[in-house]
N, C-alpha and C. Protein backbone atom coordinates (compact mmCIF):
# COMPACT_ATOMS: atom_id res chain seq x y z
N MET A 1 9.07 -31.55 50.17
CA MET A 1 8.45 -30.97 50.59
C MET A 1 7.15 -32.26 52.05
N THR A 2 6.73 -32.21 52.74
CA THR A 2 5.89 -32.76 53.17
C THR A 2 5.13 -32.06 53.65
N GLY A 3 3.72 -32.86 54.18
CA GLY A 3 2.47 -31.84 54.75
C GLY A 3 1.98 -31.27 53.90
N GLY A 4 0.94 -30.71 54.16
CA GLY A 4 -0.27 -29.92 53.20
C GLY A 4 -0.24 -28.44 53.04
N ILE A 5 -1.08 -27.85 52.65
CA ILE A 5 -0.57 -26.78 52.48
C ILE A 5 -0.94 -25.56 53.86
N PHE A 6 -1.71 -26.20 54.28
CA PHE A 6 -2.30 -25.80 55.48
C PHE A 6 -1.28 -25.97 56.73
N GLU A 7 -0.39 -27.06 56.84
CA GLU A 7 0.88 -27.22 58.01
C GLU A 7 1.79 -26.51 57.83
N ALA A 8 2.49 -26.23 59.02
CA ALA A 8 3.69 -25.33 59.00
C ALA A 8 4.68 -26.57 59.51
N ALA A 9 6.00 -26.03 58.88
CA ALA A 9 7.10 -26.73 59.26
C ALA A 9 8.27 -26.26 60.01
N PRO A 10 9.04 -27.09 60.72
CA PRO A 10 10.16 -26.17 61.58
C PRO A 10 10.37 -25.38 60.77
N ASP A 11 11.06 -25.19 59.59
CA ASP A 11 11.77 -24.15 58.94
C ASP A 11 11.10 -23.03 57.98
N ARG A 12 9.41 -23.30 58.18
CA ARG A 12 8.73 -22.29 57.51
C ARG A 12 7.11 -22.46 58.12
N PRO A 13 6.28 -21.44 57.81
CA PRO A 13 5.04 -21.30 58.06
C PRO A 13 4.01 -22.04 57.31
N ALA A 14 2.79 -22.40 57.78
CA ALA A 14 2.08 -22.71 56.42
C ALA A 14 2.01 -21.73 55.62
N GLU A 15 1.52 -22.30 54.03
CA GLU A 15 1.78 -21.58 53.13
C GLU A 15 0.50 -21.15 52.89
N VAL A 16 -0.21 -21.59 53.40
CA VAL A 16 -1.95 -20.96 53.51
C VAL A 16 -2.97 -21.11 54.88
N VAL A 17 -2.97 -20.11 55.30
CA VAL A 17 -4.00 -19.90 56.50
C VAL A 17 -5.64 -20.55 56.31
N GLU A 18 -5.98 -21.70 56.72
CA GLU A 18 -7.44 -22.19 56.37
C GLU A 18 -8.23 -21.57 57.51
N VAL A 19 -9.36 -21.03 56.29
CA VAL A 19 -10.56 -20.18 57.03
C VAL A 19 -11.81 -21.15 57.06
N ALA A 20 -12.43 -21.52 57.98
CA ALA A 20 -13.54 -22.50 57.53
C ALA A 20 -14.88 -21.72 57.69
N CYS A 21 -15.58 -22.56 57.18
CA CYS A 21 -17.21 -21.59 56.74
C CYS A 21 -18.21 -21.96 57.60
N TRP A 22 -18.98 -20.63 58.40
CA TRP A 22 -19.90 -20.66 59.11
C TRP A 22 -21.04 -21.38 58.79
N ALA A 23 -21.07 -21.21 57.27
CA ALA A 23 -22.50 -21.60 56.98
C ALA A 23 -22.59 -23.22 56.73
N HIS A 24 -21.37 -23.77 56.32
CA HIS A 24 -21.13 -25.14 56.15
C HIS A 24 -21.87 -25.57 57.87
N PHE A 25 -20.96 -25.11 58.74
CA PHE A 25 -21.19 -25.96 59.92
C PHE A 25 -22.59 -25.52 60.39
N ARG A 26 -23.49 -24.58 60.10
CA ARG A 26 -24.71 -23.95 60.45
C ARG A 26 -25.64 -25.39 59.34
N ARG A 27 -25.48 -25.14 58.37
CA ARG A 27 -26.06 -26.10 57.56
C ARG A 27 -26.81 -27.55 58.24
N GLY A 28 -25.94 -28.12 58.35
CA GLY A 28 -25.91 -29.50 59.44
C GLY A 28 -26.74 -29.42 60.21
N LEU A 29 -26.73 -28.08 61.21
CA LEU A 29 -27.47 -28.34 62.33
C LEU A 29 -29.04 -27.60 61.88
N PHE A 30 -29.06 -27.35 60.77
CA PHE A 30 -30.39 -26.81 60.40
C PHE A 30 -30.90 -27.76 59.45
N ASP A 31 -30.57 -28.41 58.96
CA ASP A 31 -31.03 -29.80 58.64
C ASP A 31 -31.38 -30.91 59.85
N LEU A 32 -30.58 -30.76 60.56
CA LEU A 32 -31.01 -31.53 61.26
C LEU A 32 -32.10 -31.26 62.53
N HIS A 33 -32.28 -29.89 62.64
CA HIS A 33 -33.69 -29.40 63.20
C HIS A 33 -34.77 -29.27 62.18
N LYS A 34 -34.75 -29.10 60.92
CA LYS A 34 -35.61 -29.15 60.22
C LYS A 34 -36.15 -30.63 60.22
N ALA A 35 -35.44 -31.82 60.23
CA ALA A 35 -35.84 -33.15 60.05
C ALA A 35 -36.49 -33.30 61.53
N ASN A 36 -36.04 -33.53 62.53
CA ASN A 36 -36.42 -33.48 64.05
C ASN A 36 -36.95 -32.71 64.90
N GLY A 37 -36.69 -31.36 64.47
CA GLY A 37 -37.13 -30.61 65.62
C GLY A 37 -35.79 -30.74 67.20
N SER A 38 -34.88 -30.64 66.81
CA SER A 38 -33.70 -31.20 67.62
C SER A 38 -33.83 -29.84 68.66
N PRO A 39 -34.15 -29.55 69.99
CA PRO A 39 -33.87 -28.65 70.50
C PRO A 39 -32.48 -27.94 70.62
N THR A 40 -32.14 -29.12 70.77
CA THR A 40 -30.39 -28.84 70.87
C THR A 40 -29.46 -28.10 69.51
N ALA A 41 -29.86 -28.73 68.49
CA ALA A 41 -29.57 -28.17 67.20
C ALA A 41 -30.08 -26.43 67.02
N LYS A 42 -31.54 -26.18 67.44
CA LYS A 42 -32.20 -24.89 67.41
C LYS A 42 -31.27 -24.19 68.34
N GLU A 43 -30.93 -24.63 69.81
CA GLU A 43 -29.72 -23.68 70.16
C GLU A 43 -28.29 -22.83 69.80
N ALA A 44 -28.12 -24.25 69.22
CA ALA A 44 -26.74 -23.76 68.33
C ALA A 44 -27.37 -22.92 67.61
N LEU A 45 -28.07 -23.13 66.59
CA LEU A 45 -28.55 -22.04 65.47
C LEU A 45 -28.69 -20.73 66.11
N ASP A 46 -29.45 -20.64 67.26
CA ASP A 46 -29.66 -19.20 67.90
C ASP A 46 -28.49 -18.80 67.91
N ARG A 47 -27.47 -19.14 68.63
CA ARG A 47 -26.40 -18.79 69.28
C ARG A 47 -25.57 -18.32 68.09
N ILE A 48 -25.57 -19.24 66.79
CA ILE A 48 -24.89 -18.48 65.72
C ILE A 48 -25.62 -17.48 65.20
N ALA A 49 -26.83 -17.57 65.26
CA ALA A 49 -27.41 -16.16 64.61
C ALA A 49 -26.77 -14.83 65.33
N LYS A 50 -26.63 -15.05 66.38
CA LYS A 50 -26.15 -13.40 66.99
C LYS A 50 -24.90 -13.59 66.21
N LEU A 51 -23.96 -14.22 66.10
CA LEU A 51 -22.75 -14.27 65.37
C LEU A 51 -22.84 -13.54 63.84
N TYR A 52 -23.96 -13.76 63.26
CA TYR A 52 -24.54 -13.20 61.49
C TYR A 52 -24.78 -12.04 62.24
N ARG A 53 -25.58 -11.65 63.35
CA ARG A 53 -26.49 -10.51 63.22
C ARG A 53 -24.94 -9.23 63.36
N LEU A 54 -24.16 -9.62 64.12
CA LEU A 54 -22.86 -8.86 64.45
C LEU A 54 -21.86 -8.80 62.85
N GLU A 55 -22.05 -9.88 62.22
CA GLU A 55 -21.70 -9.78 60.68
C GLU A 55 -22.60 -8.94 59.87
N THR A 56 -23.95 -8.97 60.14
CA THR A 56 -24.63 -7.91 59.10
C THR A 56 -24.28 -6.59 59.50
N ALA A 57 -24.27 -6.01 60.88
CA ALA A 57 -23.85 -5.08 61.39
C ALA A 57 -22.91 -4.12 60.60
N VAL A 58 -21.56 -5.06 60.40
CA VAL A 58 -20.43 -4.56 60.11
C VAL A 58 -19.80 -4.96 58.86
N ARG A 59 -21.06 -5.20 58.13
CA ARG A 59 -20.53 -5.53 56.35
C ARG A 59 -20.39 -4.34 55.90
N GLY A 60 -19.43 -4.17 54.73
CA GLY A 60 -18.97 -3.21 54.47
C GLY A 60 -18.40 -2.20 54.87
N GLN A 61 -18.17 -2.37 56.18
CA GLN A 61 -17.07 -1.55 56.88
C GLN A 61 -15.82 -1.78 56.55
N PRO A 62 -14.89 -0.75 56.89
CA PRO A 62 -13.39 -0.87 56.52
C PRO A 62 -12.86 -2.46 57.43
N ALA A 63 -11.60 -3.03 56.92
CA ALA A 63 -11.25 -3.65 57.65
C ALA A 63 -10.78 -3.75 59.04
N GLU A 64 -10.48 -2.76 59.38
CA GLU A 64 -10.04 -2.60 60.62
C GLU A 64 -11.11 -2.40 61.57
N LEU A 65 -12.11 -1.60 61.21
CA LEU A 65 -13.41 -1.65 61.94
C LEU A 65 -13.90 -2.83 61.82
N ARG A 66 -13.96 -3.67 61.26
CA ARG A 66 -14.56 -5.22 61.40
C ARG A 66 -14.25 -5.87 62.44
N VAL A 67 -12.51 -5.67 62.28
CA VAL A 67 -11.86 -6.88 62.98
C VAL A 67 -11.98 -6.52 64.22
N ALA A 68 -11.94 -4.72 64.61
CA ALA A 68 -12.10 -4.44 66.10
C ALA A 68 -13.39 -4.87 66.77
N ALA A 69 -14.88 -4.97 65.90
CA ALA A 69 -16.19 -5.23 66.38
C ALA A 69 -16.17 -6.78 66.67
N ARG A 70 -15.68 -7.48 65.86
CA ARG A 70 -15.00 -9.02 66.20
C ARG A 70 -14.55 -9.17 67.40
N GLN A 71 -13.21 -8.69 67.62
CA GLN A 71 -12.95 -8.74 68.86
C GLN A 71 -13.59 -8.27 69.71
N GLN A 72 -14.22 -7.40 70.01
CA GLN A 72 -15.15 -6.81 70.91
C GLN A 72 -16.10 -7.67 71.31
N TYR A 73 -17.05 -7.97 70.52
CA TYR A 73 -18.02 -8.69 70.89
C TYR A 73 -18.18 -10.16 69.93
N ALA A 74 -17.26 -10.71 68.92
CA ALA A 74 -17.43 -11.80 68.37
C ALA A 74 -16.66 -12.94 69.32
N VAL A 75 -15.20 -12.53 69.77
CA VAL A 75 -14.67 -13.26 70.27
C VAL A 75 -15.20 -13.58 72.08
N PRO A 76 -15.63 -13.23 72.59
CA PRO A 76 -16.70 -13.68 73.47
C PRO A 76 -17.90 -14.43 73.28
N MET A 77 -18.59 -14.21 72.21
CA MET A 77 -19.69 -14.96 71.86
C MET A 77 -19.14 -16.23 71.61
N LEU A 78 -18.09 -15.95 70.85
CA LEU A 78 -17.56 -17.82 70.38
C LEU A 78 -17.00 -18.44 71.63
N GLY A 79 -16.45 -17.56 72.54
CA GLY A 79 -15.89 -18.19 73.66
C GLY A 79 -16.99 -18.86 74.36
N ASP A 80 -18.09 -18.45 74.57
CA ASP A 80 -19.25 -19.10 75.02
C ASP A 80 -20.01 -20.50 74.69
N LEU A 81 -19.98 -19.77 72.85
CA LEU A 81 -20.47 -20.87 72.10
C LEU A 81 -19.45 -22.32 72.47
N HIS A 82 -18.19 -21.95 72.41
CA HIS A 82 -17.47 -23.28 72.28
C HIS A 82 -17.65 -23.87 73.37
N GLN A 83 -17.65 -23.18 74.59
CA GLN A 83 -17.91 -23.84 75.60
C GLN A 83 -18.93 -24.55 75.86
N TRP A 84 -20.17 -24.11 75.33
CA TRP A 84 -21.61 -24.62 75.30
C TRP A 84 -21.50 -26.01 74.57
N LEU A 85 -20.79 -26.32 73.16
CA LEU A 85 -20.89 -27.16 72.38
C LEU A 85 -20.12 -28.16 73.16
N VAL A 86 -18.45 -28.16 73.70
CA VAL A 86 -18.19 -29.05 74.22
C VAL A 86 -18.83 -29.77 75.59
N ASP A 87 -19.65 -28.94 76.45
CA ASP A 87 -20.26 -29.38 77.40
C ASP A 87 -21.63 -30.55 76.78
N THR A 88 -22.12 -29.67 75.68
CA THR A 88 -23.55 -30.05 75.06
C THR A 88 -22.89 -31.70 74.54
N ARG A 89 -21.45 -31.61 73.74
CA ARG A 89 -21.31 -33.10 73.38
C ARG A 89 -21.14 -34.11 74.33
N THR A 90 -20.65 -33.89 75.17
CA THR A 90 -20.75 -34.90 76.36
C THR A 90 -21.80 -35.64 76.94
N LYS A 91 -23.42 -34.85 76.41
CA LYS A 91 -24.33 -35.55 76.71
C LYS A 91 -24.83 -36.12 75.60
N VAL A 92 -24.33 -36.00 74.37
CA VAL A 92 -25.12 -36.20 73.18
C VAL A 92 -24.29 -37.76 72.66
N GLU A 93 -25.34 -38.83 72.20
CA GLU A 93 -24.38 -39.96 71.66
C GLU A 93 -23.72 -40.48 70.55
N ASN A 94 -22.82 -40.87 71.11
CA ASN A 94 -21.46 -41.06 70.02
C ASN A 94 -22.36 -41.47 68.90
N LYS A 95 -21.78 -41.07 67.34
CA LYS A 95 -22.26 -41.53 66.06
C LYS A 95 -23.61 -41.07 65.56
N SER A 96 -24.37 -40.32 66.54
CA SER A 96 -25.86 -39.98 66.06
C SER A 96 -25.32 -38.48 65.50
N GLU A 97 -26.77 -38.08 64.59
CA GLU A 97 -26.37 -37.16 63.85
C GLU A 97 -26.37 -35.76 64.45
N LEU A 98 -26.38 -35.60 65.54
CA LEU A 98 -26.27 -34.26 66.26
C LEU A 98 -24.87 -34.68 66.82
N ALA A 99 -24.68 -35.76 66.95
CA ALA A 99 -22.98 -35.67 67.43
C ALA A 99 -21.92 -35.63 65.95
N ARG A 100 -22.69 -35.78 64.98
CA ARG A 100 -21.71 -35.35 64.00
C ARG A 100 -21.88 -34.08 63.45
N ALA A 101 -23.02 -33.50 63.91
CA ALA A 101 -23.03 -32.10 63.54
C ALA A 101 -22.30 -31.39 64.31
N LEU A 102 -22.26 -31.51 65.78
CA LEU A 102 -21.33 -30.76 66.60
C LEU A 102 -20.15 -30.93 66.07
N ASP A 103 -19.63 -32.12 65.91
CA ASP A 103 -18.36 -32.27 65.96
C ASP A 103 -17.38 -31.70 64.64
N TYR A 104 -18.55 -31.06 63.29
CA TYR A 104 -18.12 -30.57 62.20
C TYR A 104 -17.48 -29.37 63.20
N GLY A 105 -18.30 -28.85 64.25
CA GLY A 105 -17.63 -27.42 64.44
C GLY A 105 -16.55 -27.72 65.19
N LEU A 106 -16.47 -28.30 66.40
CA LEU A 106 -15.79 -28.68 67.13
C LEU A 106 -14.28 -29.06 66.57
N ASN A 107 -14.23 -29.97 65.51
CA ASN A 107 -13.42 -30.49 64.97
C ASN A 107 -12.40 -29.19 64.23
N ARG A 108 -13.14 -28.09 63.67
CA ARG A 108 -12.76 -27.02 63.00
C ARG A 108 -12.74 -25.70 63.51
N TRP A 109 -12.71 -25.84 64.99
CA TRP A 109 -12.92 -24.59 65.86
C TRP A 109 -12.09 -23.39 65.42
N LYS A 110 -10.44 -23.92 65.54
CA LYS A 110 -9.54 -22.88 64.86
C LYS A 110 -9.78 -22.14 63.75
N GLN A 111 -9.92 -22.83 62.91
CA GLN A 111 -10.19 -22.46 61.40
C GLN A 111 -11.64 -21.62 61.28
N LEU A 112 -12.58 -22.14 61.89
CA LEU A 112 -13.59 -21.20 62.17
C LEU A 112 -13.61 -19.76 62.69
N THR A 113 -12.49 -19.51 63.63
CA THR A 113 -12.49 -18.70 64.13
C THR A 113 -11.41 -17.38 63.64
N GLU A 114 -10.81 -17.77 62.50
CA GLU A 114 -9.91 -17.25 62.01
C GLU A 114 -10.50 -15.95 61.50
N PHE A 115 -11.46 -15.94 61.08
CA PHE A 115 -12.18 -14.67 60.38
C PHE A 115 -11.97 -13.82 61.54
N THR A 116 -11.84 -13.80 62.96
CA THR A 116 -11.56 -12.73 64.06
C THR A 116 -10.58 -12.32 64.22
N GLN A 117 -9.46 -12.62 63.36
CA GLN A 117 -8.47 -12.13 63.30
C GLN A 117 -8.13 -11.54 62.63
N ASP A 118 -8.51 -10.79 61.04
CA ASP A 118 -8.37 -10.24 59.88
C ASP A 118 -9.95 -10.09 59.75
N GLY A 119 -9.79 -8.60 59.24
CA GLY A 119 -11.10 -7.82 58.71
C GLY A 119 -11.43 -8.18 57.43
N THR A 120 -10.28 -8.57 56.76
CA THR A 120 -10.53 -8.86 55.08
C THR A 120 -11.43 -10.13 54.85
N LEU A 121 -11.54 -11.30 55.83
CA LEU A 121 -11.89 -12.51 55.94
C LEU A 121 -13.71 -12.23 56.32
N GLU A 122 -14.18 -13.16 55.64
CA GLU A 122 -15.50 -13.43 55.58
C GLU A 122 -16.03 -14.44 56.80
N VAL A 123 -17.27 -14.42 57.09
CA VAL A 123 -17.82 -15.35 58.18
C VAL A 123 -17.77 -16.63 57.40
N ASP A 124 -18.23 -16.33 56.87
CA ASP A 124 -18.37 -17.67 55.50
C ASP A 124 -18.55 -17.60 53.93
N ASN A 125 -18.31 -18.68 53.26
CA ASN A 125 -17.54 -18.24 51.71
C ASN A 125 -19.34 -18.32 50.62
N ASN A 126 -20.40 -17.64 51.39
CA ASN A 126 -21.21 -17.62 50.60
C ASN A 126 -21.19 -16.43 49.46
N ILE A 127 -20.38 -15.70 49.45
CA ILE A 127 -20.37 -14.50 48.46
C ILE A 127 -19.54 -15.40 47.49
N ALA A 128 -18.30 -16.13 47.86
CA ALA A 128 -17.68 -16.81 46.78
C ALA A 128 -18.62 -17.95 45.81
N GLU A 129 -19.18 -18.73 46.78
CA GLU A 129 -20.29 -19.75 46.28
C GLU A 129 -21.10 -19.20 45.08
N ARG A 130 -21.60 -17.99 45.32
CA ARG A 130 -23.00 -17.09 44.86
C ARG A 130 -21.98 -16.66 43.27
N ALA A 131 -20.73 -16.56 43.52
CA ALA A 131 -20.30 -15.84 42.27
C ALA A 131 -19.59 -17.10 41.48
N VAL A 132 -19.32 -18.16 41.67
CA VAL A 132 -19.19 -19.53 40.85
C VAL A 132 -20.15 -20.36 40.36
N ARG A 133 -21.47 -19.72 41.09
CA ARG A 133 -22.55 -20.75 40.68
C ARG A 133 -23.11 -20.67 39.37
N GLY A 134 -22.87 -19.82 38.63
CA GLY A 134 -22.85 -19.85 37.28
C GLY A 134 -22.13 -20.82 36.34
N VAL A 135 -20.80 -20.64 36.86
CA VAL A 135 -19.98 -21.73 36.35
C VAL A 135 -20.71 -23.23 36.57
N GLY A 136 -20.68 -23.62 37.85
CA GLY A 136 -21.06 -24.50 38.38
C GLY A 136 -22.39 -25.25 37.44
N VAL A 137 -23.53 -24.39 37.20
CA VAL A 137 -24.36 -24.60 36.49
C VAL A 137 -24.39 -24.72 35.09
N GLY A 138 -23.18 -24.41 34.61
CA GLY A 138 -23.00 -24.55 32.92
C GLY A 138 -21.45 -25.52 32.67
N LYS A 139 -21.26 -26.22 33.89
CA LYS A 139 -20.01 -26.75 33.35
C LYS A 139 -20.14 -27.68 32.51
N LYS A 140 -21.32 -28.19 32.40
CA LYS A 140 -21.31 -29.66 31.36
C LYS A 140 -21.15 -28.63 30.36
N ASN A 141 -21.55 -28.02 29.68
CA ASN A 141 -21.71 -27.19 28.38
C ASN A 141 -20.13 -26.46 28.39
N PHE A 142 -19.53 -26.37 29.11
CA PHE A 142 -18.05 -25.95 28.78
C PHE A 142 -17.27 -27.32 28.44
N LEU A 143 -17.62 -28.84 28.43
CA LEU A 143 -16.93 -29.79 27.99
C LEU A 143 -17.38 -29.47 26.21
N PHE A 144 -17.82 -28.51 25.56
CA PHE A 144 -17.95 -28.13 24.35
C PHE A 144 -17.39 -27.29 24.16
N PHE A 145 -16.40 -26.57 24.13
CA PHE A 145 -16.08 -25.12 24.11
C PHE A 145 -15.15 -25.60 22.71
N GLY A 146 -14.56 -26.48 22.52
CA GLY A 146 -14.00 -26.99 21.26
C GLY A 146 -12.60 -26.88 21.32
N SER A 147 -11.91 -26.10 21.99
CA SER A 147 -10.86 -26.15 21.98
C SER A 147 -10.01 -25.01 23.40
N ASP A 148 -8.79 -24.62 23.42
CA ASP A 148 -8.33 -24.52 24.62
C ASP A 148 -8.42 -22.74 24.79
N SER A 149 -8.19 -22.05 23.21
CA SER A 149 -8.63 -20.91 22.94
C SER A 149 -9.87 -20.64 23.43
N GLY A 150 -10.84 -21.46 23.05
CA GLY A 150 -12.23 -21.33 23.26
C GLY A 150 -12.51 -21.02 24.79
N GLY A 151 -12.20 -21.99 25.77
CA GLY A 151 -11.70 -22.27 27.22
C GLY A 151 -11.51 -20.87 27.91
N GLU A 152 -10.34 -20.21 26.92
CA GLU A 152 -9.71 -19.17 27.41
C GLU A 152 -10.45 -17.60 27.23
N ARG A 153 -11.21 -17.88 26.15
CA ARG A 153 -12.22 -16.70 26.15
C ARG A 153 -13.24 -16.54 26.82
N ALA A 154 -13.95 -17.58 27.17
CA ALA A 154 -14.89 -17.83 27.81
C ALA A 154 -14.49 -17.59 29.13
N ALA A 155 -13.33 -17.83 29.89
CA ALA A 155 -12.91 -17.38 31.20
C ALA A 155 -12.62 -15.97 31.18
N ILE A 156 -12.27 -15.12 30.01
CA ILE A 156 -12.36 -13.43 29.90
C ILE A 156 -13.93 -13.14 30.13
N ALA A 157 -14.67 -13.81 29.17
CA ALA A 157 -15.99 -13.33 29.55
C ALA A 157 -16.62 -13.54 30.88
N TYR A 158 -16.43 -14.53 31.56
CA TYR A 158 -16.69 -14.92 32.97
C TYR A 158 -16.47 -13.98 33.83
N ALA A 159 -14.78 -13.66 33.61
CA ALA A 159 -14.09 -12.85 34.58
C ALA A 159 -14.91 -11.23 34.27
N LEU A 160 -15.07 -10.60 33.08
CA LEU A 160 -15.74 -9.19 32.89
C LEU A 160 -17.29 -9.56 33.73
N ILE A 161 -18.08 -10.72 33.61
CA ILE A 161 -19.34 -10.74 33.86
C ILE A 161 -19.40 -10.77 35.79
N GLU A 162 -18.18 -11.71 36.17
CA GLU A 162 -18.16 -11.39 37.62
C GLU A 162 -18.01 -10.02 38.22
N THR A 163 -16.83 -8.96 37.43
CA THR A 163 -16.28 -7.90 37.92
C THR A 163 -17.44 -7.00 37.83
N CYS A 164 -18.41 -7.06 36.64
CA CYS A 164 -19.77 -6.40 36.82
C CYS A 164 -20.50 -6.17 37.79
N LYS A 165 -20.62 -7.51 38.28
CA LYS A 165 -21.31 -8.22 39.23
C LYS A 165 -21.16 -7.40 40.85
N LEU A 166 -19.58 -7.36 40.70
CA LEU A 166 -18.77 -6.89 41.91
C LEU A 166 -18.95 -5.29 42.25
N ASN A 167 -19.12 -4.47 40.83
CA ASN A 167 -19.46 -2.92 40.49
C ASN A 167 -20.79 -3.06 40.67
N HIS A 168 -21.86 -3.66 40.79
CA HIS A 168 -23.19 -3.66 40.96
C HIS A 168 -23.51 -2.58 39.40
N ILE A 169 -22.94 -3.71 38.47
CA ILE A 169 -23.49 -3.17 36.72
C ILE A 169 -24.22 -4.17 36.28
N ASP A 170 -25.22 -3.90 35.55
CA ASP A 170 -25.82 -5.12 34.79
C ASP A 170 -24.97 -5.72 33.95
N PRO A 171 -24.64 -7.01 33.83
CA PRO A 171 -23.47 -7.48 32.79
C PRO A 171 -23.96 -7.09 31.34
N GLN A 172 -25.28 -8.11 31.19
CA GLN A 172 -25.82 -7.56 29.75
C GLN A 172 -25.84 -6.15 29.15
N ARG A 173 -26.04 -5.26 30.21
CA ARG A 173 -25.90 -3.98 29.39
C ARG A 173 -24.54 -3.46 28.84
N TYR A 174 -23.83 -4.11 30.24
CA TYR A 174 -21.90 -3.64 29.78
C TYR A 174 -21.84 -4.32 28.87
N LEU A 175 -21.92 -5.85 28.26
CA LEU A 175 -21.25 -6.37 27.38
C LEU A 175 -22.11 -6.01 26.07
N GLU A 176 -22.86 -5.46 26.00
CA GLU A 176 -23.77 -4.82 24.67
C GLU A 176 -23.05 -3.48 24.37
N TYR A 177 -22.69 -2.86 25.65
CA TYR A 177 -21.97 -1.92 25.25
C TYR A 177 -20.28 -2.05 24.76
N VAL A 178 -19.99 -2.96 25.07
CA VAL A 178 -18.68 -3.16 24.87
C VAL A 178 -18.72 -3.45 23.35
N LEU A 179 -19.21 -4.89 23.25
CA LEU A 179 -19.39 -5.40 21.65
C LEU A 179 -19.86 -4.34 20.64
N GLN A 180 -20.42 -3.59 20.92
CA GLN A 180 -20.81 -2.46 20.12
C GLN A 180 -19.53 -1.41 19.23
N ARG A 181 -18.57 -1.04 20.65
CA ARG A 181 -17.49 -0.45 20.21
C ARG A 181 -16.21 -1.07 20.15
N ILE A 182 -16.29 -2.11 20.45
CA ILE A 182 -14.79 -2.82 21.01
C ILE A 182 -13.71 -2.94 19.19
N ALA A 183 -14.52 -3.23 18.43
CA ALA A 183 -13.72 -3.56 17.15
C ALA A 183 -13.21 -2.05 16.72
N GLU A 184 -13.70 -1.16 16.91
CA GLU A 184 -12.99 0.37 16.31
C GLU A 184 -12.22 0.95 17.73
N HIS A 185 -12.35 0.04 18.64
CA HIS A 185 -11.47 0.83 19.70
C HIS A 185 -9.94 0.66 19.67
N PRO A 186 -9.03 1.70 19.88
CA PRO A 186 -8.01 1.40 20.22
C PRO A 186 -7.34 0.54 21.11
N ILE A 187 -6.60 -0.45 20.47
CA ILE A 187 -6.00 -1.35 21.36
C ILE A 187 -5.27 -0.76 22.71
N ASN A 188 -4.31 0.13 22.30
CA ASN A 188 -3.84 0.80 23.70
C ASN A 188 -4.60 1.31 24.64
N ARG A 189 -5.80 1.60 24.47
CA ARG A 189 -7.20 2.26 25.32
C ARG A 189 -8.05 1.25 25.72
N ILE A 190 -7.71 0.20 25.88
CA ILE A 190 -8.56 -1.11 26.05
C ILE A 190 -8.89 -0.76 27.44
N GLU A 191 -8.30 -0.10 28.46
CA GLU A 191 -8.32 -0.18 29.57
C GLU A 191 -10.01 0.84 30.04
N GLU A 192 -10.25 1.56 28.98
CA GLU A 192 -11.32 2.30 29.03
C GLU A 192 -12.11 1.90 28.77
N LEU A 193 -12.72 0.68 28.16
CA LEU A 193 -13.73 -0.44 28.13
C LEU A 193 -13.70 -1.07 29.51
N LEU A 194 -13.02 -0.79 30.65
CA LEU A 194 -13.20 -1.95 31.84
C LEU A 194 -14.68 -1.60 32.41
N PRO A 195 -15.42 -2.17 33.35
CA PRO A 195 -16.47 -1.83 33.46
C PRO A 195 -16.60 -0.56 34.32
N TRP A 196 -16.01 -0.31 35.31
CA TRP A 196 -16.17 0.37 36.23
C TRP A 196 -15.76 1.69 35.62
N ASN A 197 -14.86 1.63 34.36
CA ASN A 197 -14.95 3.12 33.47
C ASN A 197 -16.05 3.40 32.32
N VAL A 198 -17.11 2.38 32.30
CA VAL A 198 -17.84 3.06 31.64
C VAL A 198 -19.31 2.80 32.30
N LEU A 199 -19.31 2.83 33.62
CA LEU A 199 -20.83 3.14 34.11
C LEU A 199 -21.56 4.13 33.94
N ASP A 200 -20.87 5.33 33.79
CA ASP A 200 -21.91 6.29 33.65
C ASP A 200 -22.07 6.63 32.38
N LYS A 201 -21.56 5.50 31.39
CA LYS A 201 -21.99 5.68 29.91
C LYS A 201 -22.84 4.63 29.46
N LEU A 202 -23.35 3.60 30.69
CA LEU A 202 -24.31 2.68 30.52
C LEU A 202 -26.22 3.06 30.29
N GLY A 203 -26.09 4.24 30.99
CA GLY A 203 -27.87 4.73 30.96
C GLY A 203 -28.23 3.52 31.91
N GLN A 204 -27.92 3.22 33.04
CA GLN A 204 -28.14 2.05 33.77
C GLN A 204 -29.29 2.60 35.04
N PRO A 205 -30.55 2.24 35.01
CA PRO A 205 -31.10 2.90 36.07
C PRO A 205 -30.67 2.86 37.47
N GLY A 206 -31.04 3.62 38.17
CA GLY A 206 -30.92 3.74 39.51
C GLY A 206 -31.00 2.59 40.75
N GLN A 207 -32.27 2.23 40.08
CA GLN A 207 -33.04 1.27 40.96
C GLN A 207 -32.36 -0.31 40.40
N VAL A 208 -31.63 -0.64 39.50
CA VAL A 208 -31.07 -1.41 38.87
C VAL A 208 -29.67 -1.59 39.69
N THR A 209 -29.18 -0.55 39.74
CA THR A 209 -27.99 -0.42 40.78
C THR A 209 -27.78 -0.63 42.24
N GLU A 210 -29.27 -0.30 42.53
CA GLU A 210 -29.55 -0.42 44.24
C GLU A 210 -29.86 -1.95 44.36
N ALA A 211 -30.45 -2.88 42.86
CA ALA A 211 -30.85 -4.13 43.40
C ALA A 211 -29.84 -4.75 43.39
N MET A 212 -28.49 -4.48 42.55
CA MET A 212 -27.65 -5.67 42.58
C MET A 212 -26.56 -5.25 43.84
N ALA A 213 -26.75 -4.02 44.57
CA ALA A 213 -25.62 -3.75 45.29
C ALA A 213 -26.39 -4.73 46.86
N ALA A 214 -28.03 -4.96 46.53
CA ALA A 214 -28.52 -5.38 47.77
C ALA A 214 -27.57 -6.87 48.51
């Protein structure tokens, strides 16, 4: 097989649809504006901010509503933004920091706009990055698990912790509950100890749930 997973072939579609991250595009413009106050970078940031305001408004809504809103509002905004980027790029000196920041978006435009076609997609990968931050911070420690089985157990623990976070459950409270009971719990009923099945037994204060959902 030739080509990467994002590339289609005459006899098959692409294995994976590439979806680019708006936060990465925005970050280059933000750093540039912070460094030298570039008015062009500021205008780009303001235009991108409108896109994020729409995403904030539809976050948590069903996928069909999110994609409908994106088609109605985001697609026209993106059309205007793309034209502005193209026009602005012709006025910017090649190899400048601003040119590189603009080219980042222009060269990935199709991938950056994929999220408008599917309501299950996110505008950026910030949620995923936050979810793996703990793994990234602790990766040096993971060199010393001692064995493959130790790594597998750690993977299970991390999966449970992240599942708790997704379900707005305090991971420490959950793990304490499970560890106190798992030794005597029937193995054929282990699903009873999954995070979403024990939330009402954890005594978790409502303010904790609200804070984790924010």
